[in-house]
Protein backbone atom coordinates (compact mmCIF):
# COMPACT_ATOMS: atom_id res chain seq x y z
CA UNK A 1 0.00 0.00 0.00
CA UNK A 2 2.84 2.38 0.82
CA UNK A 3 4.33 1.96 -2.67
CA UNK A 4 1.01 2.86 -4.29
CA UNK A 5 0.79 6.04 -2.19
CA UNK A 6 4.38 7.03 -2.98
CA UNK A 7 3.80 6.49 -6.70
CA UNK A 8 0.59 8.55 -6.56
CA UNK A 9 2.57 11.48 -5.11
CA UNK A 10 5.23 10.97 -7.77
CA UNK A 11 2.63 11.18 -10.54
CA UNK A 12 1.17 14.36 -9.00
CA UNK A 13 4.69 15.90 -8.93
CA UNK A 14 5.10 15.10 -12.62
CA UNK A 15 1.93 17.02 -13.48
CA UNK A 16 3.20 19.97 -11.44
CA UNK A 17 6.62 19.77 -13.09
CA UNK A 18 5.01 19.79 -16.54
CA UNK A 19 2.90 22.82 -15.62
CA UNK A 20 5.92 24.63 -14.14
CA UNK A 21 7.98 23.94 -17.25
CA UNK A 22 5.21 25.29 -19.46
CA UNK A 23 5.07 28.45 -17.34
CA UNK A 24 8.83 28.92 -17.56
CA UNK A 25 8.73 28.44 -21.32
CA UNK A 26 5.81 30.84 -21.65
CA UNK A 27 3.67 28.27 -23.45
CA UNK A 28 2.65 24.64 -22.99
CA UNK A 29 3.41 23.89 -26.67
CA UNK A 30 7.12 22.97 -26.23
CA UNK A 31 6.24 20.57 -23.40
CA UNK A 32 3.40 19.05 -25.42
CA UNK A 33 5.75 18.55 -28.37
CA UNK A 34 8.39 16.94 -26.15
CA UNK A 35 5.85 14.60 -24.56
CA UNK A 36 4.50 13.61 -27.97
CA UNK A 37 8.02 12.81 -29.07
CA UNK A 38 8.58 10.71 -25.96
CA UNK A 39 5.28 8.96 -26.58
CA UNK A 40 6.51 7.83 -29.98
CA UNK A 41 9.54 6.04 -28.56
CA UNK A 42 9.09 2.33 -27.99
CA UNK A 43 10.08 1.08 -24.54
CA UNK A 44 12.42 -1.49 -26.11
CA UNK A 45 14.32 1.34 -27.84
CA UNK A 46 15.24 2.96 -24.52
CA UNK A 47 18.48 2.18 -22.67
CA UNK A 48 18.04 -0.07 -19.63
CA UNK A 49 18.93 2.82 -17.29
CA UNK A 50 15.95 4.82 -18.62
CA UNK A 51 13.57 1.83 -18.70
CA UNK A 52 14.26 1.27 -15.00
CA UNK A 53 12.80 4.70 -14.17
CA UNK A 54 9.27 3.44 -14.85
CA UNK A 55 8.31 6.31 -17.13
CA UNK A 56 6.49 4.07 -19.60
CA UNK A 57 2.70 3.82 -19.61
CA UNK A 58 1.50 0.71 -17.82
CA UNK A 59 -1.92 -0.78 -18.50
CA UNK A 60 -4.66 -1.49 -15.96
CA UNK A 61 -3.92 -1.85 -12.28
CA UNK A 62 -0.16 -1.82 -12.95
CA UNK A 63 -0.57 1.93 -13.53
CA UNK A 64 -0.86 2.25 -9.73
CA UNK A 65 2.84 1.38 -9.53
CA UNK A 66 3.97 3.83 -12.23
CA UNK A 67 6.08 6.78 -11.14
CA UNK A 68 4.84 8.87 -14.09
CA UNK A 69 1.30 9.49 -15.35
CA UNK A 70 0.42 8.35 -18.88
CA UNK A 71 1.80 10.69 -21.52
CA UNK A 72 -1.69 11.26 -22.93
CA UNK A 73 -2.88 12.44 -19.49
CA UNK A 74 0.09 14.79 -19.19
CA UNK A 75 -0.62 16.29 -22.61
CA UNK A 76 -4.32 16.68 -21.78
CA UNK A 77 -3.48 18.47 -18.52
CA UNK A 78 -1.18 20.88 -20.36
CA UNK A 79 -3.82 21.55 -23.00
CA UNK A 80 -6.41 22.30 -20.29
CA UNK A 81 -4.01 24.65 -18.51
CA UNK A 82 -3.98 26.91 -21.58
CA UNK A 83 -7.64 27.64 -21.21
PDB file of N, CA and C in Angstrom:
ATOM      1  N   UNK A   1       0.825  -1.195   0.000  1.00  0.00           N
ATOM      2  CA  UNK A   1       0.000   0.000   0.000  1.00  0.00           C
ATOM      3  C   UNK A   1       0.871   1.263   0.000  1.00  0.00           C
ATOM      4  N   UNK A   2       1.963   1.211   0.749  1.00  0.00           N
ATOM      5  CA  UNK A   2       2.842   2.382   0.818  1.00  0.00           C
ATOM      6  C   UNK A   2       3.414   2.728  -0.560  1.00  0.00           C
ATOM      7  N   UNK A   3       3.776   1.714  -1.329  1.00  0.00           N
ATOM      8  CA  UNK A   3       4.325   1.964  -2.669  1.00  0.00           C
ATOM      9  C   UNK A   3       3.310   2.649  -3.570  1.00  0.00           C
ATOM     10  N   UNK A   4       2.058   2.244  -3.467  1.00  0.00           N
ATOM     11  CA  UNK A   4       1.010   2.856  -4.285  1.00  0.00           C
ATOM     12  C   UNK A   4       0.859   4.333  -3.928  1.00  0.00           C
ATOM     13  N   UNK A   5       0.918   4.645  -2.644  1.00  0.00           N
ATOM     14  CA  UNK A   5       0.792   6.035  -2.194  1.00  0.00           C
ATOM     15  C   UNK A   5       1.981   6.864  -2.670  1.00  0.00           C
ATOM     16  N   UNK A   6       3.181   6.318  -2.539  1.00  0.00           N
ATOM     17  CA  UNK A   6       4.383   7.029  -2.977  1.00  0.00           C
ATOM     18  C   UNK A   6       4.326   7.291  -4.483  1.00  0.00           C
ATOM     19  N   UNK A   7       3.894   6.308  -5.247  1.00  0.00           N
ATOM     20  CA  UNK A   7       3.805   6.487  -6.697  1.00  0.00           C
ATOM     21  C   UNK A   7       2.720   7.497  -7.071  1.00  0.00           C
ATOM     22  N   UNK A   8       1.634   7.549  -6.308  1.00  0.00           N
ATOM     23  CA  UNK A   8       0.593   8.553  -6.556  1.00  0.00           C
ATOM     24  C   UNK A   8       1.176   9.958  -6.400  1.00  0.00           C
ATOM     25  N   UNK A   9       1.937  10.172  -5.314  1.00  0.00           N
ATOM     26  CA  UNK A   9       2.570  11.479  -5.115  1.00  0.00           C
ATOM     27  C   UNK A   9       3.560  11.781  -6.235  1.00  0.00           C
ATOM     28  N   UNK A  10       4.281  10.775  -6.682  1.00  0.00           N
ATOM     29  CA  UNK A  10       5.230  10.967  -7.773  1.00  0.00           C
ATOM     30  C   UNK A  10       4.519  11.414  -9.046  1.00  0.00           C
ATOM     31  N   UNK A  11       3.390  10.782  -9.354  1.00  0.00           N
ATOM     32  CA  UNK A  11       2.631  11.177 -10.542  1.00  0.00           C
ATOM     33  C   UNK A  11       2.108  12.603 -10.410  1.00  0.00           C
ATOM     34  N   UNK A  12       1.649  12.986  -9.224  1.00  0.00           N
ATOM     35  CA  UNK A  12       1.173  14.362  -8.998  1.00  0.00           C
ATOM     36  C   UNK A  12       2.313  15.354  -9.216  1.00  0.00           C
ATOM     37  N   UNK A  13       3.521  15.019  -8.745  1.00  0.00           N
ATOM     38  CA  UNK A  13       4.689  15.896  -8.934  1.00  0.00           C
ATOM     39  C   UNK A  13       5.007  16.063 -10.416  1.00  0.00           C
ATOM     40  N   UNK A  14       4.833  15.007 -11.187  1.00  0.00           N
ATOM     41  CA  UNK A  14       5.101  15.099 -12.624  1.00  0.00           C
ATOM     42  C   UNK A  14       4.156  16.086 -13.301  1.00  0.00           C
ATOM     43  N   UNK A  15       2.876  16.043 -12.926  1.00  0.00           N
ATOM     44  CA  UNK A  15       1.928  17.016 -13.485  1.00  0.00           C
ATOM     45  C   UNK A  15       2.349  18.437 -13.121  1.00  0.00           C
ATOM     46  N   UNK A  16       2.768  18.632 -11.872  1.00  0.00           N
ATOM     47  CA  UNK A  16       3.205  19.970 -11.443  1.00  0.00           C
ATOM     48  C   UNK A  16       4.473  20.397 -12.172  1.00  0.00           C
ATOM     49  N   UNK A  17       5.385  19.449 -12.371  1.00  0.00           N
ATOM     50  CA  UNK A  17       6.622  19.767 -13.089  1.00  0.00           C
ATOM     51  C   UNK A  17       6.323  20.158 -14.536  1.00  0.00           C
ATOM     52  N   UNK A  18       5.400  19.439 -15.168  1.00  0.00           N
ATOM     53  CA  UNK A  18       5.009  19.791 -16.542  1.00  0.00           C
ATOM     54  C   UNK A  18       4.430  21.201 -16.590  1.00  0.00           C
ATOM     55  N   UNK A  19       3.531  21.499 -15.657  1.00  0.00           N
ATOM     56  CA  UNK A  19       2.897  22.819 -15.616  1.00  0.00           C
ATOM     57  C   UNK A  19       3.947  23.911 -15.362  1.00  0.00           C
ATOM     58  N   UNK A  20       4.865  23.661 -14.438  1.00  0.00           N
ATOM     59  CA  UNK A  20       5.922  24.628 -14.144  1.00  0.00           C
ATOM     60  C   UNK A  20       6.835  24.861 -15.337  1.00  0.00           C
ATOM     61  N   UNK A  21       7.151  23.798 -16.054  1.00  0.00           N
ATOM     62  CA  UNK A  21       7.981  23.936 -17.255  1.00  0.00           C
ATOM     63  C   UNK A  21       7.275  24.766 -18.312  1.00  0.00           C
ATOM     64  N   UNK A  22       5.982  24.517 -18.486  1.00  0.00           N
ATOM     65  CA  UNK A  22       5.207  25.289 -19.464  1.00  0.00           C
ATOM     66  C   UNK A  22       5.185  26.765 -19.083  1.00  0.00           C
ATOM     67  N   UNK A  23       5.062  27.052 -17.791  1.00  0.00           N
ATOM     68  CA  UNK A  23       5.066  28.449 -17.338  1.00  0.00           C
ATOM     69  C   UNK A  23       6.416  29.101 -17.599  1.00  0.00           C
ATOM     70  N   UNK A  24       7.497  28.380 -17.315  1.00  0.00           N
ATOM     71  CA  UNK A  24       8.834  28.925 -17.558  1.00  0.00           C
ATOM     72  C   UNK A  24       9.082  29.174 -19.041  1.00  0.00           C
ATOM     73  N   UNK A  25       8.551  28.299 -19.873  1.00  0.00           N
ATOM     74  CA  UNK A  25       8.726  28.441 -21.319  1.00  0.00           C
ATOM     75  C   UNK A  25       7.774  29.462 -21.926  1.00  0.00           C
ATOM     76  N   UNK A  26       6.766  29.864 -21.162  1.00  0.00           N
ATOM     77  CA  UNK A  26       5.805  30.844 -21.649  1.00  0.00           C
ATOM     78  C   UNK A  26       4.674  30.256 -22.469  1.00  0.00           C
ATOM     79  N   UNK A  27       4.690  28.950 -22.652  1.00  0.00           N
ATOM     80  CA  UNK A  27       3.667  28.273 -23.447  1.00  0.00           C
ATOM     81  C   UNK A  27       3.745  26.775 -23.168  1.00  0.00           C
ATOM     82  N   UNK A  28       2.613  26.091 -23.180  1.00  0.00           N
ATOM     83  CA  UNK A  28       2.650  24.640 -22.993  1.00  0.00           C
ATOM     84  C   UNK A  28       3.090  23.893 -24.258  1.00  0.00           C
ATOM     85  N   UNK A  29       3.117  24.571 -25.402  1.00  0.00           N
ATOM     86  CA  UNK A  29       3.409  23.891 -26.668  1.00  0.00           C
ATOM     87  C   UNK A  29       4.744  23.145 -26.690  1.00  0.00           C
ATOM     88  N   UNK A  30       5.860  23.731 -26.211  1.00  0.00           N
ATOM     89  CA  UNK A  30       7.117  22.971 -26.234  1.00  0.00           C
ATOM     90  C   UNK A  30       7.056  21.696 -25.382  1.00  0.00           C
ATOM     91  N   UNK A  31       6.382  21.764 -24.245  1.00  0.00           N
ATOM     92  CA  UNK A  31       6.243  20.573 -23.400  1.00  0.00           C
ATOM     93  C   UNK A  31       5.371  19.529 -24.084  1.00  0.00           C
ATOM     94  N   UNK A  32       4.287  19.976 -24.703  1.00  0.00           N
ATOM     95  CA  UNK A  32       3.399  19.052 -25.417  1.00  0.00           C
ATOM     96  C   UNK A  32       4.174  18.366 -26.541  1.00  0.00           C
ATOM     97  N   UNK A  33       4.962  19.129 -27.277  1.00  0.00           N
ATOM     98  CA  UNK A  33       5.754  18.554 -28.371  1.00  0.00           C
ATOM     99  C   UNK A  33       6.765  17.537 -27.842  1.00  0.00           C
ATOM    100  N   UNK A  34       7.412  17.863 -26.729  1.00  0.00           N
ATOM    101  CA  UNK A  34       8.391  16.940 -26.147  1.00  0.00           C
ATOM    102  C   UNK A  34       7.721  15.654 -25.670  1.00  0.00           C
ATOM    103  N   UNK A  35       6.568  15.784 -25.036  1.00  0.00           N
ATOM    104  CA  UNK A  35       5.855  14.599 -24.557  1.00  0.00           C
ATOM    105  C   UNK A  35       5.378  13.741 -25.725  1.00  0.00           C
ATOM    106  N   UNK A  36       4.915  14.378 -26.786  1.00  0.00           N
ATOM    107  CA  UNK A  36       4.497  13.611 -27.970  1.00  0.00           C
ATOM    108  C   UNK A  36       5.676  12.847 -28.559  1.00  0.00           C
ATOM    109  N   UNK A  37       6.822  13.490 -28.559  1.00  0.00           N
ATOM    110  CA  UNK A  37       8.023  12.813 -29.072  1.00  0.00           C
ATOM    111  C   UNK A  37       8.369  11.623 -28.185  1.00  0.00           C
ATOM    112  N   UNK A  38       8.325  11.819 -26.877  1.00  0.00           N
ATOM    113  CA  UNK A  38       8.584  10.710 -25.955  1.00  0.00           C
ATOM    114  C   UNK A  38       7.572   9.588 -26.138  1.00  0.00           C
ATOM    115  N   UNK A  39       6.330   9.954 -26.396  1.00  0.00           N
ATOM    116  CA  UNK A  39       5.284   8.960 -26.580  1.00  0.00           C
ATOM    117  C   UNK A  39       5.491   8.098 -27.808  1.00  0.00           C
ATOM    118  N   UNK A  40       6.249   8.587 -28.760  1.00  0.00           N
ATOM    119  CA  UNK A  40       6.509   7.833 -29.979  1.00  0.00           C
ATOM    120  C   UNK A  40       7.675   6.875 -29.873  1.00  0.00           C
ATOM    121  N   UNK A  41       8.381   6.914 -28.755  1.00  0.00           N
ATOM    122  CA  UNK A  41       9.538   6.043 -28.559  1.00  0.00           C
ATOM    123  C   UNK A  41       9.071   4.738 -27.935  1.00  0.00           C
ATOM    124  N   UNK A  42       9.434   3.632 -28.542  1.00  0.00           N
ATOM    125  CA  UNK A  42       9.086   2.327 -27.990  1.00  0.00           C
ATOM    126  C   UNK A  42       9.952   2.041 -26.770  1.00  0.00           C
ATOM    127  N   UNK A  43       9.366   1.406 -25.778  1.00  0.00           N
ATOM    128  CA  UNK A  43      10.078   1.081 -24.545  1.00  0.00           C
ATOM    129  C   UNK A  43      11.339   0.269 -24.843  1.00  0.00           C
ATOM    130  N   UNK A  44      11.268  -0.647 -25.793  1.00  0.00           N
ATOM    131  CA  UNK A  44      12.417  -1.493 -26.113  1.00  0.00           C
ATOM    132  C   UNK A  44      13.572  -0.679 -26.695  1.00  0.00           C
ATOM    133  N   UNK A  45      13.282   0.501 -27.252  1.00  0.00           N
ATOM    134  CA  UNK A  45      14.318   1.341 -27.842  1.00  0.00           C
ATOM    135  C   UNK A  45      15.092   2.145 -26.801  1.00  0.00           C
ATOM    136  N   UNK A  46      14.601   2.173 -25.573  1.00  0.00           N
ATOM    137  CA  UNK A  46      15.242   2.957 -24.525  1.00  0.00           C
ATOM    138  C   UNK A  46      16.370   2.174 -23.869  1.00  0.00           C
ATOM    139  N   UNK A  47      17.427   2.862 -23.425  1.00  0.00           N
ATOM    140  CA  UNK A  47      18.477   2.183 -22.667  1.00  0.00           C
ATOM    141  C   UNK A  47      17.911   1.628 -21.358  1.00  0.00           C
ATOM    142  N   UNK A  48      18.509   0.574 -20.860  1.00  0.00           N
ATOM    143  CA  UNK A  48      18.039  -0.067 -19.626  1.00  0.00           C
ATOM    144  C   UNK A  48      17.968   0.930 -18.473  1.00  0.00           C
ATOM    145  N   UNK A  49      18.927   1.852 -18.392  1.00  0.00           N
ATOM    146  CA  UNK A  49      18.933   2.824 -17.293  1.00  0.00           C
ATOM    147  C   UNK A  49      17.689   3.706 -17.316  1.00  0.00           C
ATOM    148  N   UNK A  50      17.166   4.007 -18.491  1.00  0.00           N
ATOM    149  CA  UNK A  50      15.954   4.815 -18.615  1.00  0.00           C
ATOM    150  C   UNK A  50      14.717   3.956 -18.375  1.00  0.00           C
ATOM    151  N   UNK A  51      14.713   2.728 -18.904  1.00  0.00           N
ATOM    152  CA  UNK A  51      13.566   1.832 -18.702  1.00  0.00           C
ATOM    153  C   UNK A  51      13.316   1.595 -17.219  1.00  0.00           C
ATOM    154  N   UNK A  52      14.384   1.544 -16.434  1.00  0.00           N
ATOM    155  CA  UNK A  52      14.265   1.274 -15.001  1.00  0.00           C
ATOM    156  C   UNK A  52      13.556   2.397 -14.253  1.00  0.00           C
ATOM    157  N   UNK A  53      13.447   3.575 -14.841  1.00  0.00           N
ATOM    158  CA  UNK A  53      12.797   4.700 -14.170  1.00  0.00           C
ATOM    159  C   UNK A  53      11.284   4.560 -14.109  1.00  0.00           C
ATOM    160  N   UNK A  54      10.714   3.670 -14.897  1.00  0.00           N
ATOM    161  CA  UNK A  54       9.266   3.442 -14.852  1.00  0.00           C
ATOM    162  C   UNK A  54       8.454   4.552 -15.481  1.00  0.00           C
ATOM    163  N   UNK A  55       8.996   5.198 -16.491  1.00  0.00           N
ATOM    164  CA  UNK A  55       8.305   6.309 -17.133  1.00  0.00           C
ATOM    165  C   UNK A  55       7.265   5.818 -18.134  1.00  0.00           C
ATOM    166  N   UNK A  56       7.418   4.591 -18.592  1.00  0.00           N
ATOM    167  CA  UNK A  56       6.490   4.072 -19.604  1.00  0.00           C
ATOM    168  C   UNK A  56       5.070   3.947 -19.066  1.00  0.00           C
ATOM    169  N   UNK A  57       4.111   3.968 -19.987  1.00  0.00           N
ATOM    170  CA  UNK A  57       2.703   3.824 -19.610  1.00  0.00           C
ATOM    171  C   UNK A  57       2.399   2.355 -19.343  1.00  0.00           C
ATOM    172  N   UNK A  58       1.846   2.080 -18.184  1.00  0.00           N
ATOM    173  CA  UNK A  58       1.499   0.708 -17.822  1.00  0.00           C
ATOM    174  C   UNK A  58      -0.011   0.549 -17.867  1.00  0.00           C
ATOM    175  N   UNK A  59      -0.473  -0.571 -18.389  1.00  0.00           N
ATOM    176  CA  UNK A  59      -1.922  -0.777 -18.496  1.00  0.00           C
ATOM    177  C   UNK A  59      -2.556  -1.231 -17.186  1.00  0.00           C
ATOM    178  N   UNK A  60      -3.857  -0.963 -17.061  1.00  0.00           N
ATOM    179  CA  UNK A  60      -4.657  -1.492 -15.958  1.00  0.00           C
ATOM    180  C   UNK A  60      -4.153  -1.138 -14.574  1.00  0.00           C
ATOM    181  N   UNK A  61      -4.279  -2.088 -13.675  1.00  0.00           N
ATOM    182  CA  UNK A  61      -3.915  -1.847 -12.276  1.00  0.00           C
ATOM    183  C   UNK A  61      -2.428  -1.637 -12.092  1.00  0.00           C
ATOM    184  N   UNK A  62      -1.603  -2.047 -13.055  1.00  0.00           N
ATOM    185  CA  UNK A  62      -0.156  -1.820 -12.954  1.00  0.00           C
ATOM    186  C   UNK A  62       0.163  -0.325 -12.986  1.00  0.00           C
ATOM    187  N   UNK A  63      -0.772   0.476 -13.507  1.00  0.00           N
ATOM    188  CA  UNK A  63      -0.573   1.927 -13.535  1.00  0.00           C
ATOM    189  C   UNK A  63      -0.425   2.490 -12.124  1.00  0.00           C
ATOM    190  N   UNK A  64      -0.991   1.800 -11.123  1.00  0.00           N
ATOM    191  CA  UNK A  64      -0.860   2.250  -9.734  1.00  0.00           C
ATOM    192  C   UNK A  64       0.590   2.275  -9.273  1.00  0.00           C
ATOM    193  N   UNK A  65       1.442   1.472  -9.922  1.00  0.00           N
ATOM    194  CA  UNK A  65       2.845   1.378  -9.530  1.00  0.00           C
ATOM    195  C   UNK A  65       3.760   2.199 -10.435  1.00  0.00           C
ATOM    196  N   UNK A  66       3.183   2.985 -11.331  1.00  0.00           N
ATOM    197  CA  UNK A  66       3.975   3.831 -12.227  1.00  0.00           C
ATOM    198  C   UNK A  66       4.375   5.116 -11.522  1.00  0.00           C
ATOM    199  N   UNK A  67       5.614   5.533 -11.743  1.00  0.00           N
ATOM    200  CA  UNK A  67       6.080   6.785 -11.142  1.00  0.00           C
ATOM    201  C   UNK A  67       5.635   7.998 -11.952  1.00  0.00           C
ATOM    202  N   UNK A  68       5.261   7.781 -13.206  1.00  0.00           N
ATOM    203  CA  UNK A  68       4.845   8.870 -14.085  1.00  0.00           C
ATOM    204  C   UNK A  68       3.433   8.608 -14.601  1.00  0.00           C
ATOM    205  N   UNK A  69       2.633   9.664 -14.757  1.00  0.00           N
ATOM    206  CA  UNK A  69       1.299   9.486 -15.346  1.00  0.00           C
ATOM    207  C   UNK A  69       1.427   9.162 -16.837  1.00  0.00           C
ATOM    208  N   UNK A  70       0.372   8.615 -17.438  1.00  0.00           N
ATOM    209  CA  UNK A  70       0.421   8.354 -18.882  1.00  0.00           C
ATOM    210  C   UNK A  70       0.696   9.643 -19.657  1.00  0.00           C
ATOM    211  N   UNK A  71       1.448   9.524 -20.720  1.00  0.00           N
ATOM    212  CA  UNK A  71       1.803  10.694 -21.522  1.00  0.00           C
ATOM    213  C   UNK A  71       0.558  11.410 -22.034  1.00  0.00           C
ATOM    214  N   UNK A  72      -0.463  10.638 -22.432  1.00  0.00           N
ATOM    215  CA  UNK A  72      -1.692  11.257 -22.930  1.00  0.00           C
ATOM    216  C   UNK A  72      -2.340  12.131 -21.852  1.00  0.00           C
ATOM    217  N   UNK A  73      -2.303  11.667 -20.602  1.00  0.00           N
ATOM    218  CA  UNK A  73      -2.882  12.444 -19.494  1.00  0.00           C
ATOM    219  C   UNK A  73      -2.074  13.711 -19.242  1.00  0.00           C
ATOM    220  N   UNK A  74      -0.761  13.619 -19.387  1.00  0.00           N
ATOM    221  CA  UNK A  74       0.090  14.790 -19.187  1.00  0.00           C
ATOM    222  C   UNK A  74      -0.168  15.833 -20.271  1.00  0.00           C
ATOM    223  N   UNK A  75      -0.322  15.373 -21.509  1.00  0.00           N
ATOM    224  CA  UNK A  75      -0.618  16.290 -22.611  1.00  0.00           C
ATOM    225  C   UNK A  75      -1.981  16.940 -22.400  1.00  0.00           C
ATOM    226  N   UNK A  76      -2.972  16.145 -22.015  1.00  0.00           N
ATOM    227  CA  UNK A  76      -4.322  16.683 -21.784  1.00  0.00           C
ATOM    228  C   UNK A  76      -4.309  17.739 -20.685  1.00  0.00           C
ATOM    229  N   UNK A  77      -3.556  17.499 -19.618  1.00  0.00           N
ATOM    230  CA  UNK A  77      -3.478  18.472 -18.521  1.00  0.00           C
ATOM    231  C   UNK A  77      -2.843  19.774 -19.002  1.00  0.00           C
ATOM    232  N   UNK A  78      -1.808  19.673 -19.826  1.00  0.00           N
ATOM    233  CA  UNK A  78      -1.177  20.882 -20.364  1.00  0.00           C
ATOM    234  C   UNK A  78      -2.124  21.631 -21.295  1.00  0.00           C
ATOM    235  N   UNK A  79      -2.873  20.908 -22.095  1.00  0.00           N
ATOM    236  CA  UNK A  79      -3.824  21.553 -22.997  1.00  0.00           C
ATOM    237  C   UNK A  79      -4.926  22.257 -22.216  1.00  0.00           C
ATOM    238  N   UNK A  80      -5.379  21.672 -21.123  1.00  0.00           N
ATOM    239  CA  UNK A  80      -6.406  22.299 -20.287  1.00  0.00           C
ATOM    240  C   UNK A  80      -5.870  23.521 -19.568  1.00  0.00           C
ATOM    241  N   UNK A  81      -4.587  23.521 -19.242  1.00  0.00           N
ATOM    242  CA  UNK A  81      -4.007  24.648 -18.507  1.00  0.00           C
ATOM    243  C   UNK A  81      -3.926  25.904 -19.366  1.00  0.00           C
ATOM    244  N   UNK A  82      -4.012  25.749 -20.663  1.00  0.00           N
ATOM    245  CA  UNK A  82      -3.984  26.907 -21.575  1.00  0.00           C
ATOM    246  C   UNK A  82      -5.221  27.761 -21.414  1.00  0.00           C
ATOM    247  N   UNK A  83      -6.337  27.069 -21.174  1.00  0.00           N
ATOM    248  CA  UNK A  83      -7.639  27.637 -21.212  1.00  0.00           C
ATOM    249  C   UNK A  83      -7.959  28.767 -20.365  1.00  0.00           C
TER     250      UNK A  83
END
